[in-house]
């Protein structure tokens, strides 16, 4: 399946790979990995070690062990990580070359991107060595070079699963694989692993398209779903095209930033590897959602705060939900926060800005039962004004805050509710933060209709684009598959995208040129459950059985049930 250096099938596998790569119409640069030249020096696994003999075949077929090239003001540096910690003369030569190359790039004010097979680390720069990272001595030396010469990003592979960390000012990416997933990392999933105990979790197979922009860079994840070349691919160019993005935020209800320890098994029989599940981040980047809503606990917990800080550095807006302004006293500093969303209990009158330290918008919403009735005794509460609340009451409650929080219940129309909430907030002299609840089936029944979910999310996206003076946030992202009012989300508890997610991303990529701040001219309810939006030359039909987009005489069916 994956021959190793020295095995009888290895030369044939190399030739097969070359036959595929020859079809490329762009230059290709290759870094050596353990299945090319052997494993790094690590005595606790039975695998062919790195060997000079293996390098001969690699160099003949794929080129130098290490090299660099420039495009514009960017320097791309490819290094051989398998050789690190061998003590060979060729390792010393590479270290000398690497520092010289990085120094010269820095002196010429080039932006530096580094590529190597093994990631420096997965969880923490001080973690012990295991099969999937570099030994501490060479790791420290490498990271010091990245810091000194301000490397913008480092791209690695080897682990067959996506990870992201930020080390100082350097983004560290571990790219997914296209062939199979390492099954031991299914320990990160909150439900049973996919096919072959996670090895064939096709949603995790893929690659990166990286847009290097004038300031910074963007990762465009592409899921390949295990396709072969004979199968028709999706329009990768459309899904990875720059420009389109989502205007929605999402609520991260489940814990998503803490450490998980993998079982001491498989390729690491004596070590529990500590890692963080970054599947949610991959899905956020794929859908280009750049606003997350989290509880205060995420800011107070050091691991979760680190995740928020990393995302904020890449342009993500962070809304922190706080149960009452008094809780703000626990916050040492605002850190990555863009907005404080404060729930007020009945009778609370303290000015909300009194406890807010530093910058950030302040949004306020009253505590209320989910039923909308006054204290019905049903235990379940939420917060936020109803969209058609009395503006005077809204103004009094928000006080010196910036925004009013409105909540749209699962049974309410998204468009009409957002429209009314914006009008109410405007009359109260504030902006609106509108939280859209996802569809539900009941307290003890699971909602599973992907088409209805996708339609509601797309309607929320259209509503967000049409109203400049508000922010729209979904009250969920992943499945709520246990507890009260269970329902599907845009991703499952493995972090894999659901059909509704794919429909939503397809809509975003297809309708990237729909303008913001312009209300759809032909808001046309059709029947009781169908919505039609006419926006310029684009018509979007949202029905319980199908979601279609018509533009320029062409009709695209995004979803049919």
Protein backbone atom coordinates (compact mmCIF):
# COMPACT_ATOMS: atom_id res chain seq x y z
CA UNK A 1 0.00 0.00 0.00
CA UNK A 2 2.82 2.39 0.89
CA UNK A 3 6.21 0.74 0.17
CA UNK A 4 9.16 1.92 2.23
CA UNK A 5 12.69 2.56 0.99
CA UNK A 6 14.53 -0.68 0.32
CA UNK A 7 11.39 -2.74 -0.26
CA UNK A 8 10.88 -4.45 -3.65
CA UNK A 9 7.91 -2.25 -4.56
CA UNK A 10 9.59 1.08 -3.79
CA UNK A 11 11.12 1.81 -7.25
CA UNK A 12 7.83 1.03 -8.97
CA UNK A 13 5.96 3.32 -6.58
CA UNK A 14 8.37 6.14 -7.41
CA UNK A 15 7.81 5.66 -11.12
CA UNK A 16 4.04 5.59 -10.64
CA UNK A 17 4.25 8.88 -8.75
CA UNK A 18 6.41 10.44 -11.45
CA UNK A 19 3.95 9.40 -14.15
CA UNK A 20 1.22 11.28 -12.27
CA UNK A 21 3.36 14.35 -11.58
CA UNK A 22 4.44 14.65 -15.23
CA UNK A 23 0.90 15.76 -16.03
CA UNK A 24 1.41 18.98 -14.07
CA UNK A 25 1.75 22.16 -16.10
CA UNK A 26 3.53 24.08 -13.32
CA UNK A 27 6.95 23.61 -11.73
CA UNK A 28 7.06 20.99 -8.96
CA UNK A 29 9.37 21.03 -5.95
CA UNK A 30 9.65 18.01 -3.66
CA UNK A 31 10.94 17.64 -0.10
CA UNK A 32 12.12 14.16 0.96
CA UNK A 33 10.05 12.29 3.52
CA UNK A 34 10.40 9.03 5.40
CA UNK A 35 8.81 7.01 2.58
CA UNK A 36 11.37 8.50 0.19
CA UNK A 37 14.68 8.32 2.09
CA UNK A 38 13.88 6.56 5.37
CA UNK A 39 12.76 7.52 8.86
CA UNK A 40 14.51 10.08 11.05
CA UNK A 41 16.86 8.67 13.72
CA UNK A 42 14.38 7.18 16.21
CA UNK A 43 15.08 3.85 17.81
CA UNK A 44 11.58 3.04 18.99
CA UNK A 45 9.96 2.02 15.73
CA UNK A 46 10.70 -0.81 13.29
CA UNK A 47 11.11 1.10 10.03
CA UNK A 48 13.93 1.64 7.52
CA UNK A 49 16.16 4.40 8.83
CA UNK A 50 17.41 7.28 6.71
CA UNK A 51 20.27 6.09 4.49
CA UNK A 52 22.62 7.64 1.90
CA UNK A 53 21.63 4.85 -0.50
CA UNK A 54 17.99 5.96 -0.41
CA UNK A 55 18.99 9.53 -1.25
CA UNK A 56 20.52 8.44 -4.56
CA UNK A 57 17.14 7.30 -5.89
CA UNK A 58 15.38 10.41 -4.57
CA UNK A 59 17.85 12.86 -6.09
CA UNK A 60 17.76 11.04 -9.44
CA UNK A 61 13.98 11.23 -9.66
CA UNK A 62 12.91 14.30 -7.69
CA UNK A 63 15.87 16.66 -7.38
CA UNK A 64 18.04 18.10 -4.56
CA UNK A 65 17.61 17.14 -0.90
CA UNK A 66 17.30 20.82 -0.02
CA UNK A 67 16.93 23.95 -2.13
CA UNK A 68 15.34 27.37 -2.30
CA UNK A 69 13.77 29.57 -4.95
CA UNK A 70 12.20 33.02 -5.13
CA UNK A 71 9.00 34.39 -6.59
CA UNK A 72 8.76 38.14 -6.34
CA UNK A 73 9.62 39.15 -2.79
CA UNK A 74 8.97 35.67 -1.41
CA UNK A 75 11.65 33.08 -0.63
CA UNK A 76 10.58 29.43 -0.52
CA UNK A 77 12.98 27.20 1.40
CA UNK A 78 12.80 23.38 1.17
CA UNK A 79 14.70 21.40 3.81
CA UNK A 80 15.43 17.75 4.46
CA UNK A 81 14.10 16.94 7.94
CA UNK A 82 14.84 13.19 7.85
CA UNK A 83 18.57 13.87 8.03
CA UNK A 84 18.33 16.04 11.15
CA UNK A 85 20.01 14.56 14.24
CA UNK A 86 22.02 12.02 12.20
CA UNK A 87 25.34 13.77 12.80
CA UNK A 88 26.31 13.23 9.15
CA UNK A 89 28.49 15.73 7.31
CA UNK A 90 25.57 16.34 4.95
CA UNK A 91 23.47 17.42 7.94
CA UNK A 92 26.12 19.97 8.91
CA UNK A 93 26.23 21.23 5.34
CA UNK A 94 22.45 21.69 5.32
CA UNK A 95 22.51 23.66 8.61
CA UNK A 96 25.16 26.00 7.20
CA UNK A 97 23.25 26.40 3.94
CA UNK A 98 19.96 26.98 5.76
CA UNK A 99 21.26 29.78 7.97
CA UNK A 100 23.02 31.44 5.04
CA UNK A 101 19.84 31.23 2.94
CA UNK A 102 17.58 32.60 5.68
CA UNK A 103 20.02 35.40 6.51
CA UNK A 104 20.27 36.47 2.87
CA UNK A 105 16.48 36.39 2.46
CA UNK A 106 16.06 38.50 5.58
CA UNK A 107 18.66 41.03 4.41
CA UNK A 108 16.81 41.35 1.11
CA UNK A 109 13.52 41.75 3.02
CA UNK A 110 12.03 38.67 1.41
CA UNK A 111 9.09 36.93 3.04
CA UNK A 112 10.18 33.42 4.00
CA UNK A 113 8.17 30.20 3.69
CA UNK A 114 9.77 26.91 4.80
CA UNK A 115 8.79 23.37 3.78
CA UNK A 116 9.88 20.10 5.41
CA UNK A 117 8.40 16.65 5.94
CA UNK A 118 8.48 16.34 9.74
CA UNK A 119 6.72 19.03 11.82
CA UNK A 120 8.88 20.58 14.56
CA UNK A 121 6.17 19.78 17.14
CA UNK A 122 2.42 19.16 17.40
CA UNK A 123 1.38 20.46 20.82
CA UNK A 124 4.18 22.35 22.54
CA UNK A 125 7.75 23.34 21.61
CA UNK A 126 8.97 21.60 24.76
CA UNK A 127 7.18 18.29 24.19
CA UNK A 128 9.16 15.02 24.29
CA UNK A 129 10.22 13.39 21.06
CA UNK A 130 7.88 10.92 19.38
CA UNK A 131 7.39 9.46 15.92
CA UNK A 132 5.67 12.57 14.57
CA UNK A 133 7.96 15.42 15.61
CA UNK A 134 11.63 16.40 15.57
CA UNK A 135 14.10 15.59 18.35
CA UNK A 136 14.30 18.42 20.95
CA UNK A 137 17.87 19.48 20.10
CA UNK A 138 17.31 19.99 16.37
CA UNK A 139 13.78 21.30 16.98
CA UNK A 140 15.09 24.05 19.26
CA UNK A 141 17.80 25.00 16.78
CA UNK A 142 15.31 25.12 13.91
CA UNK A 143 12.77 27.20 15.84
CA UNK A 144 15.48 29.68 16.84
CA UNK A 145 16.29 30.19 13.16
CA UNK A 146 12.60 30.69 12.35
CA UNK A 147 12.35 33.32 15.09
CA UNK A 148 15.59 35.12 14.23
CA UNK A 149 14.80 35.47 10.55
CA UNK A 150 11.04 36.00 11.01
CA UNK A 151 9.86 33.07 8.92
CA UNK A 152 6.22 33.68 7.96
CA UNK A 153 5.04 30.08 7.71
CA UNK A 154 6.28 26.50 7.91
CA UNK A 155 4.53 23.66 6.05
CA UNK A 156 4.97 20.02 7.07
CA UNK A 157 3.37 16.66 6.35
CA UNK A 158 4.03 13.17 7.78
CA UNK A 159 1.11 13.06 10.25
CA UNK A 160 -1.62 12.65 7.59
CA UNK A 161 -3.93 15.01 9.48
CA UNK A 162 -4.29 18.78 9.66
CA UNK A 163 -2.78 20.72 12.55
CA UNK A 164 -2.00 24.38 13.11
CA UNK A 165 0.04 26.17 15.75
CA UNK A 166 1.54 29.62 15.89
CA UNK A 167 5.10 29.89 17.19
CA UNK A 168 5.87 33.52 17.86
CA UNK A 169 5.14 35.20 14.53
CA UNK A 170 5.42 31.98 12.53
CA UNK A 171 2.44 29.85 11.48
CA UNK A 172 3.16 26.13 11.66
CA UNK A 173 0.93 24.03 9.39
CA UNK A 174 0.68 20.26 9.09
CA UNK A 175 -1.03 19.48 5.80
CA UNK A 176 -3.51 16.60 5.39
CA UNK A 177 -2.73 13.59 3.22
CA UNK A 178 -4.38 12.53 -0.03
CA UNK A 179 -4.04 8.75 0.39
CA UNK A 180 -5.07 7.72 3.89
CA UNK A 181 -5.47 9.00 7.44
CA UNK A 182 -3.35 7.75 10.32
CA UNK A 183 -5.97 5.76 12.30
CA UNK A 184 -4.49 6.41 15.75
CA UNK A 185 -5.50 10.07 15.43
CA UNK A 186 -9.15 8.99 15.48
CA UNK A 187 -8.69 9.29 19.24
CA UNK A 188 -9.46 12.97 18.64
CA UNK A 189 -12.97 12.21 17.40
CA UNK A 190 -15.95 12.42 19.76
CA UNK A 191 -17.83 9.65 17.92
CA UNK A 192 -16.76 6.31 16.47
CA UNK A 193 -14.14 6.53 13.70
CA UNK A 194 -15.04 6.37 10.04
CA UNK A 195 -14.24 3.47 7.65
CA UNK A 196 -11.31 1.19 8.49
CA UNK A 197 -11.28 2.61 12.02
CA UNK A 198 -10.45 6.07 10.72
CA UNK A 199 -7.86 5.12 8.14
CA UNK A 200 -10.37 5.78 5.36
CA UNK A 201 -11.97 8.93 6.85
CA UNK A 202 -12.24 10.45 3.37
CA UNK A 203 -13.37 13.85 4.60
CA UNK A 204 -9.91 14.33 6.12
CA UNK A 205 -8.06 13.69 2.85
CA UNK A 206 -6.97 16.77 0.97
CA UNK A 207 -4.44 19.44 0.24
CA UNK A 208 -3.78 23.16 0.63
CA UNK A 209 -3.91 25.92 -1.93
CA UNK A 210 -2.05 28.86 -0.40
CA UNK A 211 -2.70 32.42 -1.52
CA UNK A 212 0.28 34.63 -0.75
CA UNK A 213 -1.17 38.10 -0.54
CA UNK A 214 0.41 41.52 -0.30
CA UNK A 215 0.09 41.28 3.47
CA UNK A 216 -0.08 37.78 4.91
CA UNK A 217 -1.25 34.55 3.34
CA UNK A 218 -4.44 32.50 3.28
CA UNK A 219 -4.91 28.74 3.45
CA UNK A 220 -7.55 27.39 1.05
CA UNK A 221 -8.26 23.80 2.14
CA UNK A 222 -9.36 21.41 -0.60
CA UNK A 223 -10.89 18.08 0.43
CA UNK A 224 -10.23 15.40 -2.19
CA UNK A 225 -12.56 12.81 -0.61
CA UNK A 226 -10.31 9.97 -1.79
CA UNK A 227 -11.02 10.62 -5.47
CA UNK A 228 -8.95 9.13 -8.26
CA UNK A 229 -8.06 10.98 -11.44
CA UNK A 230 -10.74 9.12 -13.40
CA UNK A 231 -13.48 10.58 -11.21
CA UNK A 232 -14.90 14.06 -12.01
CA UNK A 233 -13.57 16.58 -9.44
CA UNK A 234 -15.48 19.52 -8.04
CA UNK A 235 -14.53 22.93 -9.35
CA UNK A 236 -11.39 23.37 -7.28
CA UNK A 237 -10.65 26.68 -8.95
CA UNK A 238 -14.00 28.07 -7.80
CA UNK A 239 -13.69 26.73 -4.25
CA UNK A 240 -10.17 28.12 -3.88
CA UNK A 241 -10.71 31.39 -5.73
CA UNK A 242 -9.83 34.50 -3.71
CA UNK A 243 -12.52 37.02 -2.90
CA UNK A 244 -15.49 35.08 -1.63
CA UNK A 245 -16.10 34.70 2.10
CA UNK A 246 -18.89 34.10 4.57
CA UNK A 247 -20.45 37.00 6.48
CA UNK A 248 -21.68 34.72 9.27
CA UNK A 249 -20.27 33.88 12.66
CA UNK A 250 -20.66 30.52 14.39
CA UNK A 251 -20.95 29.45 18.02
CA UNK A 252 -18.41 26.90 19.25
CA UNK A 253 -20.55 25.05 21.78
CA UNK A 254 -18.29 22.04 22.41
CA UNK A 255 -14.77 22.26 23.82
CA UNK A 256 -12.45 22.67 20.84
CA UNK A 257 -9.04 23.80 22.03
CA UNK A 258 -7.80 21.59 24.83
CA UNK A 259 -5.19 18.82 24.72
CA UNK A 260 -5.97 15.21 23.88
CA UNK A 261 -3.57 12.37 24.65
CA UNK A 262 -3.38 9.57 22.09
CA UNK A 263 -3.07 5.99 23.32
CA UNK A 264 0.44 4.57 23.59
CA UNK A 265 0.09 2.22 20.67
CA UNK A 266 0.92 1.71 17.02
CA UNK A 267 3.92 3.79 16.01
CA UNK A 268 4.50 5.07 19.55
CA UNK A 269 4.34 2.14 21.94
CA UNK A 270 5.89 4.00 24.87
CA UNK A 271 4.55 7.55 24.49
CA UNK A 272 1.15 9.20 24.76
CA UNK A 273 1.33 11.90 22.11
CA UNK A 274 -0.41 15.09 23.21
CA UNK A 275 -2.17 16.95 20.40
CA UNK A 276 -5.07 19.31 19.74
CA UNK A 277 -7.95 18.58 17.40
CA UNK A 278 -7.85 21.29 14.71
CA UNK A 279 -10.65 19.87 12.53
CA UNK A 280 -12.94 22.78 13.42
CA UNK A 281 -10.31 25.28 12.32
CA UNK A 282 -9.94 23.51 8.97
CA UNK A 283 -13.72 23.71 8.46
CA UNK A 284 -13.78 27.40 9.40
CA UNK A 285 -11.05 28.16 6.88
CA UNK A 286 -12.72 26.04 4.21
CA UNK A 287 -16.00 27.95 4.60
CA UNK A 288 -14.11 31.23 5.17
CA UNK A 289 -16.03 31.92 8.34
CA UNK A 290 -14.00 34.47 10.26
CA UNK A 291 -16.15 35.09 13.34
CA UNK A 292 -16.44 32.69 16.29
CA UNK A 293 -18.59 33.03 19.40
CA UNK A 294 -17.31 31.33 22.55
CA UNK A 295 -18.02 31.28 26.30
CA UNK A 296 -15.97 33.25 28.81
CA UNK A 297 -14.31 30.00 29.91
CA UNK A 298 -12.43 29.88 26.59
CA UNK A 299 -10.76 33.16 27.46
CA UNK A 300 -9.89 32.15 31.02
CA UNK A 301 -8.46 28.73 30.09
CA UNK A 302 -4.86 29.06 28.88
CA UNK A 303 -5.12 26.42 26.13
CA UNK A 304 -8.36 27.81 24.72
CA UNK A 305 -7.06 31.36 24.97
CA UNK A 306 -4.02 30.32 22.95
CA UNK A 307 -6.33 28.99 20.22
CA UNK A 308 -8.27 32.28 20.18
CA UNK A 309 -5.06 34.28 20.04
CA UNK A 310 -3.81 32.24 17.09
CA UNK A 311 -7.07 32.70 15.19
CA UNK A 312 -7.24 36.42 15.97
CA UNK A 313 -3.73 36.81 14.55
CA UNK A 314 -5.11 35.39 11.30
CA UNK A 315 -8.03 37.83 11.22
CA UNK A 316 -10.80 35.98 13.07
CA UNK A 317 -13.30 38.07 15.03
CA UNK A 318 -13.80 36.75 18.57
CA UNK A 319 -17.08 37.25 20.47
CA UNK A 320 -17.02 36.18 24.11
CA UNK A 321 -20.33 35.44 25.86
CA UNK A 322 -20.39 36.58 29.48
CA UNK A 323 -23.14 35.71 32.02
CA UNK A 324 -23.53 39.15 33.60
CA UNK A 325 -21.17 42.14 33.69
CA UNK A 326 -19.83 41.15 37.11
CA UNK A 327 -18.05 38.18 35.49
CA UNK A 328 -15.80 40.59 33.61
CA UNK A 329 -13.85 41.12 36.81
CA UNK A 330 -12.31 37.65 36.25
CA UNK A 331 -10.73 38.73 32.97
CA UNK A 332 -7.09 39.80 33.39
CA UNK A 333 -6.98 41.51 29.97
CA UNK A 334 -9.01 41.56 26.77
CA UNK A 335 -6.42 39.73 24.69
CA UNK A 336 -7.92 38.65 21.36
CA UNK A 337 -11.52 39.72 22.12
CA UNK A 338 -13.42 41.72 19.48
CA UNK A 339 -16.79 41.80 21.26
CA UNK A 340 -18.21 41.14 24.73
CA UNK A 341 -21.70 39.66 24.56
CA UNK A 342 -23.25 40.17 28.00
CA UNK A 343 -26.37 38.41 29.24
CA UNK A 344 -28.35 40.45 31.77
CA UNK A 345 -30.44 38.76 34.44
CA UNK A 346 -33.78 40.37 35.41
CA UNK A 347 -33.35 43.59 37.33
CA UNK A 348 -29.68 44.05 36.48
CA UNK A 349 -28.98 47.75 35.94
CA UNK A 350 -25.23 48.14 36.25
CA UNK A 351 -23.68 49.96 33.26
CA UNK A 352 -22.24 47.19 31.13
CA UNK A 353 -19.10 49.08 30.19
CA UNK A 354 -18.06 49.40 33.84
CA UNK A 355 -16.30 46.05 33.86
CA UNK A 356 -14.97 46.04 30.29
CA UNK A 357 -11.22 46.48 30.13
CA UNK A 358 -9.67 47.63 26.88
CA UNK A 359 -11.12 47.71 23.35
CA UNK A 360 -13.98 45.66 21.99
CA UNK A 361 -17.65 46.16 21.24
CA UNK A 362 -20.20 45.49 23.97
CA UNK A 363 -23.43 43.67 23.07
CA UNK A 364 -26.22 43.21 25.62
CA UNK A 365 -29.21 40.86 25.74
CA UNK A 366 -31.67 39.97 28.53
CA UNK A 367 -32.03 36.48 29.94
CA UNK A 368 -35.26 34.82 28.77
CA UNK A 369 -36.87 31.37 28.62
CA UNK A 370 -36.48 29.56 25.31
CA UNK A 371 -40.27 29.57 24.96
CA UNK A 372 -40.35 33.38 24.88
CA UNK A 373 -42.89 33.41 27.71
CA UNK A 374 -42.19 35.01 31.08
CA UNK A 375 -40.56 32.41 33.37
CA UNK A 376 -42.53 29.41 32.22
CA UNK A 377 -40.79 27.00 34.58
CA UNK A 378 -39.32 24.95 31.73
CA UNK A 379 -35.76 25.41 33.04
CA UNK A 380 -34.16 26.13 29.65
CA UNK A 381 -33.09 29.73 29.19
CA UNK A 382 -31.27 31.77 26.63
CA UNK A 383 -30.68 35.47 26.17
CA UNK A 384 -31.46 38.11 23.61
CA UNK A 385 -34.35 40.38 22.67
CA UNK A 386 -37.13 39.20 20.38
CA UNK A 387 -36.73 40.94 16.99
CA UNK A 388 -39.77 43.19 17.42
CA UNK A 389 -38.98 44.24 21.00
CA UNK A 390 -39.88 47.71 22.25
CA UNK A 391 -36.98 50.00 21.16
CA UNK A 392 -37.25 52.00 24.40
CA UNK A 393 -36.78 48.83 26.42
CA UNK A 394 -33.82 47.86 24.25
CA UNK A 395 -32.21 51.27 24.66
CA UNK A 396 -32.65 51.18 28.44
CA UNK A 397 -31.17 47.67 28.76
CA UNK A 398 -28.19 48.26 26.49
CA UNK A 399 -27.33 51.49 28.29
CA UNK A 400 -23.86 52.56 27.29
CA UNK A 401 -23.27 49.39 25.28
CA UNK A 402 -22.78 49.30 21.51
CA UNK A 403 -25.11 46.53 20.36
CA UNK A 404 -28.30 44.73 21.31
CA UNK A 405 -28.43 40.94 21.14
CA UNK A 406 -31.46 39.48 19.34
CA UNK A 407 -32.37 35.81 19.14
CA UNK A 408 -34.19 34.10 16.26
CA UNK A 409 -35.92 30.92 17.38
CA UNK A 410 -35.85 27.76 15.21
CA UNK A 411 -39.46 28.24 14.11
CA UNK A 412 -39.00 31.89 13.04
CA UNK A 413 -38.12 33.14 9.56
CA UNK A 414 -34.51 34.25 9.43
CA UNK A 415 -34.87 37.05 6.89
CA UNK A 416 -37.93 38.66 8.45
CA UNK A 417 -36.47 38.34 11.96
CA UNK A 418 -33.12 39.90 11.02
CA UNK A 419 -34.92 42.70 9.19
CA UNK A 420 -37.09 43.48 12.24
CA UNK A 421 -34.13 43.22 14.65
CA UNK A 422 -32.13 45.73 12.61
CA UNK A 423 -35.07 48.16 12.58
CA UNK A 424 -35.56 47.77 16.34
CA UNK A 425 -31.86 48.31 17.06
CA UNK A 426 -31.73 51.32 14.76
CA UNK A 427 -34.68 52.89 16.60
CA UNK A 428 -32.86 52.25 19.88
CA UNK A 429 -29.70 53.95 18.59
CA UNK A 430 -27.52 50.81 18.57
CA UNK A 431 -26.36 48.05 16.23
CA UNK A 432 -27.83 44.53 16.21
CA UNK A 433 -26.10 41.24 16.96
CA UNK A 434 -28.54 38.57 15.74
CA UNK A 435 -28.15 34.97 16.92
CA UNK A 436 -29.85 32.40 14.66
CA UNK A 437 -30.91 29.17 16.32
CA UNK A 438 -30.54 26.08 14.12
CA UNK A 439 -33.54 23.81 13.38
CA UNK A 440 -34.72 21.40 16.07
CA UNK A 441 -37.18 18.49 16.26
CA UNK A 442 -37.89 18.47 20.00
CA UNK A 443 -36.31 17.97 23.39
CA UNK A 444 -35.70 14.27 22.88
CA UNK A 445 -35.72 13.87 19.07
CA UNK A 446 -32.80 14.37 16.71
CA UNK A 447 -33.22 16.85 13.86
CA UNK A 448 -31.49 15.41 10.77
CA UNK A 449 -32.79 17.23 7.66
CA UNK A 450 -29.68 18.49 5.81
CA UNK A 451 -31.67 20.41 3.18
CA UNK A 452 -33.68 22.41 5.73
CA UNK A 453 -30.49 23.16 7.68
CA UNK A 454 -28.62 24.29 4.55
CA UNK A 455 -31.55 26.52 3.52
CA UNK A 456 -31.63 28.21 6.93
CA UNK A 457 -27.88 28.84 6.91
CA UNK A 458 -27.97 30.27 3.36
CA UNK A 459 -30.90 32.51 4.34
CA UNK A 460 -28.82 33.72 7.30
CA UNK A 461 -25.91 34.43 4.94
CA UNK A 462 -28.12 36.45 2.59
CA UNK A 463 -29.57 38.35 5.55
CA UNK A 464 -26.10 39.16 6.85
CA UNK A 465 -25.00 40.47 3.45
CA UNK A 466 -28.09 42.61 3.07
CA UNK A 467 -27.80 44.40 6.42
CA UNK A 468 -24.51 46.20 6.91
CA UNK A 469 -25.36 47.52 10.36
CA UNK A 470 -25.63 44.14 12.09
CA UNK A 471 -23.71 40.94 12.77
CA UNK A 472 -25.37 37.55 12.26
CA UNK A 473 -24.19 34.47 14.16
CA UNK A 474 -25.37 30.86 14.02
CA UNK A 475 -26.04 29.40 17.46
CA UNK A 476 -23.96 26.33 16.72
CA UNK A 477 -21.47 24.79 14.28
CA UNK A 478 -21.03 21.10 15.13
CA UNK A 479 -23.68 18.45 15.79
CA UNK A 480 -25.41 18.57 19.15
CA UNK A 481 -25.73 14.78 19.27
CA UNK A 482 -26.33 14.35 23.00
CA UNK A 483 -28.18 16.28 25.67
CA UNK A 484 -31.37 18.27 25.12
CA UNK A 485 -32.79 19.27 21.72
CA UNK A 486 -30.31 17.21 19.67
CA UNK A 487 -29.72 18.29 16.09
CA UNK A 488 -27.19 18.10 13.30
CA UNK A 489 -24.83 20.98 12.62
CA UNK A 490 -22.61 21.94 9.72
CA UNK A 491 -19.92 19.48 10.85
CA UNK A 492 -20.24 16.19 12.71
CA UNK A 493 -18.43 15.22 15.92
CA UNK A 494 -15.43 14.01 13.91
CA UNK A 495 -15.15 17.56 12.58
CA UNK A 496 -16.08 16.31 9.11
CA UNK A 497 -18.36 18.48 6.95
CA UNK A 498 -21.96 17.43 6.55
CA UNK A 499 -23.92 17.71 3.31
CA UNK A 500 -25.36 21.02 4.54
CA UNK A 501 -21.83 22.39 4.97
CA UNK A 502 -20.91 21.45 1.40
CA UNK A 503 -24.09 23.03 0.05
CA UNK A 504 -23.34 26.22 2.00
CA UNK A 505 -19.74 26.41 0.74
CA UNK A 506 -20.94 25.72 -2.79
CA UNK A 507 -23.39 28.62 -2.48
CA UNK A 508 -20.67 30.95 -1.19
CA UNK A 509 -18.30 30.11 -4.03
CA UNK A 510 -21.04 30.33 -6.67
CA UNK A 511 -22.50 33.61 -5.44
CA UNK A 512 -19.28 35.41 -4.49
CA UNK A 513 -20.31 38.56 -6.38
CA UNK A 514 -23.61 39.17 -4.55
CA UNK A 515 -23.11 42.66 -3.11
CA UNK A 516 -23.32 43.46 0.58
CA UNK A 517 -25.53 46.14 2.04
CA UNK A 518 -28.19 45.75 -0.65
CA UNK A 519 -31.48 44.15 0.28
CA UNK A 520 -32.68 41.49 -2.17
CA UNK A 521 -35.03 43.34 -4.49
CA UNK A 522 -37.50 40.53 -4.83
CA UNK A 523 -37.97 39.11 -1.35
CA UNK A 524 -40.71 36.66 -2.31
CA UNK A 525 -42.16 34.17 0.14
CA UNK A 526 -43.59 31.29 -1.88
CA UNK A 527 -45.97 29.13 0.13
CA UNK A 528 -45.40 28.61 3.83
CA UNK A 529 -42.00 26.91 3.82
CA UNK A 530 -40.27 28.20 0.70
CA UNK A 531 -38.16 31.32 0.28
CA UNK A 532 -37.02 32.95 -2.95
CA UNK A 533 -34.48 35.76 -3.16
CA UNK A 534 -33.86 37.77 -6.30
CA UNK A 535 -30.59 39.67 -6.04
CA UNK A 536 -29.70 41.46 -9.26
CA UNK A 537 -29.51 38.73 -11.91
CA UNK A 538 -29.30 35.94 -9.32
CA UNK A 539 -32.30 34.00 -8.01
CA UNK A 540 -31.89 31.78 -4.97
CA UNK A 541 -34.68 29.29 -4.24
CA UNK A 542 -34.74 27.74 -0.76
CA UNK A 543 -37.32 24.96 -0.52
CA UNK A 544 -37.70 21.97 1.84
CA UNK A 545 -36.87 19.60 -1.02
CA UNK A 546 -34.28 21.50 -3.07
CA UNK A 547 -31.92 24.48 -3.07
CA UNK A 548 -31.18 26.04 -6.44
CA UNK A 549 -29.37 29.09 -7.81
CA UNK A 550 -30.26 30.56 -11.19
CA UNK A 551 -28.10 33.19 -12.85
CA UNK A 552 -27.39 34.17 -16.41
CA UNK A 553 -29.87 31.61 -17.70
CA UNK A 554 -28.12 28.74 -15.93
CA UNK A 555 -29.75 26.83 -13.06
CA UNK A 556 -27.55 25.07 -10.51
CA UNK A 557 -29.04 22.53 -8.10
CA UNK A 558 -27.02 22.74 -4.89
CA UNK A 559 -29.11 20.23 -2.95
CA UNK A 560 -32.05 17.88 -3.46
CA UNK A 561 -33.67 15.65 -0.87
